[in-house]
Amino acid sequence: MFTGIVEELGEIVAVENLGDASRFQVRGPVVTEGARHGDSIAVNGVCLTVVDTGDGRFSADVMAETLNRSSLGALAVGSRVNLERPMALGGRLGGHLVQGHVDGTGTLIERKPSEHWEIVKISLPSGLGRYVVEKGSITVDGISLTVVDAGPDYFTVSLIPTTLALTTLGVKQPGDPVNLEVDVLAKYVERLLAHGGTDARKQAIE
């Protein structure tokens, strides 16, 4: 489980084609400190399993399913990526509960800079709009953000200087893809209601 608070802006240093998968080698001295084989690290919001580490780098295998359902398939040597280690038990939940399971990819539509922040508009894939609400939480490329405006097929977020300086959203341009993970609590609520959750709650109150 992650929190969507990016620890480090890493870099893809090698990509190996494995046929039905790829092996990424990522430079990230902060997140690799103490990391071992089998540990998890979120790369642009996708939870990956560490294969090996060394010299401030780690390798991770990415299956075809993940490459197809996320923006990781577009990464190349030199690409910058947001990195985060799982939250330690008892640690502070600085963002919101993030699983590292991408629900879909959106596209950055436009950027509107202002004096102290920037408004970014991002498209929503079909079917995800119902989980996104104004002032709710959403994860964009592994970054926990608060929704400013929610439309049927888009949403906007406001980025502070720290986010612009320390994450990939500082350099993403219109047309670039981003990984999206909606708030898992919204999906649980939807499923409970679809399976009679309202009736069960009513009976419990009575």
Protein backbone atom coordinates (compact mmCIF):
# COMPACT_ATOMS: atom_id res chain seq x y z
CA MET A 1 0.00 0.00 0.00
CA PHE A 2 1.28 3.46 -0.95
CA THR A 3 0.22 7.02 -0.12
CA GLY A 4 0.83 8.87 -3.38
CA ILE A 5 3.62 11.00 -1.91
CA VAL A 6 6.47 10.75 -4.41
CA GLU A 7 9.83 10.19 -2.74
CA GLU A 8 12.08 10.59 -5.71
CA LEU A 9 12.16 11.50 -9.39
CA GLY A 10 13.99 8.55 -10.94
CA GLU A 11 15.15 7.71 -14.44
CA ILE A 12 14.83 4.72 -16.75
CA VAL A 13 18.40 3.66 -17.57
CA ALA A 14 17.73 0.43 -19.48
CA VAL A 15 14.81 -1.41 -21.09
CA GLU A 16 15.13 -5.08 -22.03
CA ASN A 17 12.51 -6.66 -24.30
CA LEU A 18 11.57 -10.10 -22.95
CA GLY A 19 8.99 -10.92 -25.61
CA ASP A 20 5.78 -10.93 -23.58
CA ALA A 21 7.28 -8.65 -20.94
CA SER A 22 9.96 -6.01 -20.39
CA ARG A 23 12.63 -5.57 -17.75
CA PHE A 24 13.20 -2.00 -16.63
CA GLN A 25 16.31 -0.81 -14.86
CA VAL A 26 15.56 2.33 -12.89
CA ARG A 27 17.92 4.77 -11.20
CA GLY A 28 16.59 5.76 -7.79
CA PRO A 29 19.15 5.90 -4.95
CA VAL A 30 16.58 6.97 -2.35
CA VAL A 31 14.04 4.19 -2.92
CA THR A 32 16.70 1.51 -3.41
CA GLU A 33 18.32 2.17 -0.06
CA GLY A 34 17.67 -1.03 1.89
CA ALA A 35 15.55 -2.50 -0.93
CA ARG A 36 15.80 -6.25 -1.51
CA HIS A 37 14.63 -8.80 -4.03
CA GLY A 38 10.85 -9.13 -3.79
CA ASP A 39 10.20 -5.68 -2.35
CA SER A 40 7.66 -3.36 -3.98
CA ILE A 41 8.31 0.05 -5.50
CA ALA A 42 5.71 2.18 -7.28
CA VAL A 43 6.87 3.48 -10.67
CA ASN A 44 4.56 6.20 -12.01
CA GLY A 45 1.88 4.74 -9.78
CA VAL A 46 2.35 1.12 -10.85
CA CYS A 47 3.39 -1.32 -8.11
CA LEU A 48 6.39 -3.30 -9.38
CA THR A 49 8.40 -6.07 -7.73
CA VAL A 50 12.13 -5.57 -7.34
CA VAL A 51 14.21 -8.23 -9.13
CA ASP A 52 17.63 -6.96 -8.08
CA THR A 53 19.36 -3.80 -6.86
CA GLY A 54 22.80 -2.26 -6.96
CA ASP A 55 24.60 1.05 -7.42
CA GLY A 56 21.47 3.08 -6.66
CA ARG A 57 19.42 1.19 -9.27
CA PHE A 58 16.80 -1.51 -9.28
CA SER A 59 15.37 -3.82 -11.92
CA ALA A 60 11.74 -4.87 -12.27
CA ASP A 61 9.89 -7.09 -14.72
CA VAL A 62 6.72 -5.68 -16.29
CA MET A 63 4.26 -8.13 -17.86
CA ALA A 64 2.40 -7.42 -21.10
CA GLU A 65 -0.88 -6.83 -19.22
CA THR A 66 0.72 -3.99 -17.25
CA LEU A 67 2.42 -2.54 -20.33
CA ASN A 68 -0.90 -2.50 -22.18
CA ARG A 69 -3.05 -1.11 -19.36
CA SER A 70 -0.67 1.59 -18.16
CA SER A 71 1.64 4.19 -19.65
CA LEU A 72 4.74 2.16 -18.74
CA GLY A 73 4.81 0.76 -22.27
CA ALA A 74 5.72 4.24 -23.52
CA LEU A 75 8.78 4.57 -21.28
CA ALA A 76 12.23 4.57 -22.83
CA VAL A 77 15.79 5.10 -21.70
CA GLY A 78 16.00 8.60 -20.25
CA SER A 79 12.34 8.80 -19.21
CA ARG A 80 11.81 10.34 -15.78
CA VAL A 81 9.54 8.44 -13.40
CA ASN A 82 7.91 9.03 -10.02
CA LEU A 83 9.10 6.58 -7.36
CA GLU A 84 7.63 5.63 -3.99
CA ARG A 85 8.26 2.84 -1.51
CA PRO A 86 5.31 1.23 0.32
CA MET A 87 4.13 2.97 3.46
CA ALA A 88 5.65 1.53 6.62
CA LEU A 89 3.18 0.30 9.25
CA GLY A 90 2.67 3.17 11.66
CA GLY A 91 3.87 5.76 9.17
CA ARG A 92 2.05 8.97 8.31
CA LEU A 93 -0.62 8.78 5.61
CA GLY A 94 0.40 11.98 3.83
CA GLY A 95 -1.75 11.46 0.73
CA HIS A 96 -4.48 8.80 0.55
CA LEU A 97 -4.61 5.01 0.30
CA VAL A 98 -3.04 4.02 -3.02
CA GLN A 99 -2.76 0.39 -4.14
CA GLY A 100 -0.49 0.82 -7.14
CA HIS A 101 -3.11 -0.85 -9.35
CA VAL A 102 -3.76 1.42 -12.33
CA ASP A 103 -7.42 1.70 -13.37
CA GLY A 104 -6.67 3.25 -16.73
CA THR A 105 -4.71 5.92 -18.55
CA GLY A 106 -5.72 9.49 -19.23
CA THR A 107 -4.22 12.17 -21.42
CA LEU A 108 -3.01 15.55 -20.29
CA ILE A 109 -5.28 17.98 -22.15
CA GLU A 110 -4.03 21.40 -21.13
CA ARG A 111 -1.98 23.35 -18.59
CA LYS A 112 -2.95 26.77 -17.23
CA PRO A 113 -0.10 28.39 -15.30
CA SER A 114 -0.68 31.10 -12.73
CA GLU A 115 1.65 32.98 -10.41
CA HIS A 116 1.99 30.34 -7.69
CA TRP A 117 0.39 27.15 -9.05
CA GLU A 118 -0.78 25.49 -12.24
CA ILE A 119 -4.13 24.00 -13.23
CA VAL A 120 -3.86 20.80 -15.26
CA LYS A 121 -6.77 19.22 -17.13
CA ILE A 122 -6.69 15.46 -17.74
CA SER A 123 -9.04 13.22 -19.73
CA LEU A 124 -10.87 10.34 -18.04
CA PRO A 125 -11.30 6.92 -19.68
CA SER A 126 -14.83 5.67 -20.14
CA GLY A 127 -16.22 4.22 -16.93
CA LEU A 128 -13.97 6.04 -14.45
CA GLY A 129 -15.87 9.32 -14.28
CA ARG A 130 -18.33 7.97 -11.70
CA TYR A 131 -15.49 7.49 -9.19
CA VAL A 132 -14.13 11.03 -9.47
CA VAL A 133 -15.72 13.81 -7.43
CA GLU A 134 -14.87 17.42 -6.67
CA LYS A 135 -12.48 17.65 -3.69
CA GLY A 136 -12.02 13.88 -3.79
CA SER A 137 -8.69 12.09 -4.21
CA ILE A 138 -7.16 10.64 -7.37
CA THR A 139 -3.72 9.28 -8.18
CA VAL A 140 -2.00 10.61 -11.31
CA ASP A 141 1.29 8.90 -12.24
CA GLY A 142 1.56 7.84 -8.60
CA ILE A 143 0.87 11.31 -7.18
CA SER A 144 -1.95 11.78 -4.68
CA LEU A 145 -3.92 14.82 -5.83
CA THR A 146 -7.16 16.57 -4.93
CA VAL A 147 -9.71 16.97 -7.70
CA VAL A 148 -10.61 20.62 -8.37
CA ASP A 149 -13.29 20.07 -11.02
CA ALA A 150 -14.84 16.81 -12.19
CA GLY A 151 -16.54 16.50 -15.57
CA PRO A 152 -18.02 13.42 -17.29
CA ASP A 153 -14.82 12.71 -19.22
CA TYR A 154 -12.19 14.93 -17.59
CA PHE A 155 -10.99 16.36 -14.30
CA THR A 156 -8.66 19.13 -13.21
CA VAL A 157 -6.05 19.32 -10.46
CA SER A 158 -4.07 22.22 -9.03
CA LEU A 159 -0.31 21.68 -8.78
CA ILE A 160 1.83 23.52 -6.24
CA PRO A 161 5.47 24.43 -6.99
CA THR A 162 6.78 21.41 -5.04
CA THR A 163 4.76 18.99 -7.19
CA LEU A 164 5.87 20.74 -10.35
CA ALA A 165 9.52 20.61 -9.33
CA LEU A 166 9.72 17.09 -7.89
CA THR A 167 7.43 14.97 -10.10
CA THR A 168 6.85 14.15 -13.75
CA LEU A 169 3.83 16.46 -13.85
CA GLY A 170 6.24 19.36 -13.95
CA VAL A 171 7.34 18.39 -17.47
CA LYS A 172 4.36 16.51 -18.93
CA GLN A 173 2.87 18.23 -21.97
CA PRO A 174 -0.56 18.12 -23.64
CA GLY A 175 -0.97 14.78 -25.36
CA ASP A 176 1.20 12.88 -22.87
CA PRO A 177 -0.39 9.82 -21.19
CA VAL A 178 -0.72 9.49 -17.42
CA ASN A 179 -1.62 6.56 -15.18
CA LEU A 180 -4.80 6.95 -13.15
CA GLU A 181 -5.93 5.16 -10.01
CA VAL A 182 -9.24 6.22 -8.51
CA ASP A 183 -9.99 6.11 -4.79
CA VAL A 184 -10.46 2.44 -3.90
CA LEU A 185 -13.07 3.36 -1.27
CA ALA A 186 -15.40 4.57 -4.03
CA LYS A 187 -15.18 1.18 -5.77
CA TYR A 188 -15.92 -0.72 -2.56
CA VAL A 189 -18.96 1.47 -1.84
CA GLU A 190 -20.26 0.92 -5.39
CA ARG A 191 -19.92 -2.84 -5.09
CA LEU A 192 -21.59 -2.95 -1.68
CA LEU A 193 -24.55 -0.98 -2.97
CA ALA A 194 -24.81 -3.17 -6.06
CA HIS A 195 -25.06 -6.26 -3.85
CA GLY A 196 -27.70 -5.03 -1.44
CA GLY A 197 -25.45 -3.00 0.82
CA THR A 198 -28.23 -0.50 1.42
CA ASP A 199 -30.64 -3.19 2.63
CA ALA A 200 -27.99 -4.68 4.91
CA ARG A 201 -27.27 -1.28 6.43
CA LYS A 202 -31.00 -0.65 6.96
CA GLN A 203 -31.41 -3.98 8.75
CA ALA A 204 -28.41 -3.26 10.97
CA ILE A 205 -29.91 0.09 12.01
CA GLU A 206 -33.29 -1.47 12.72
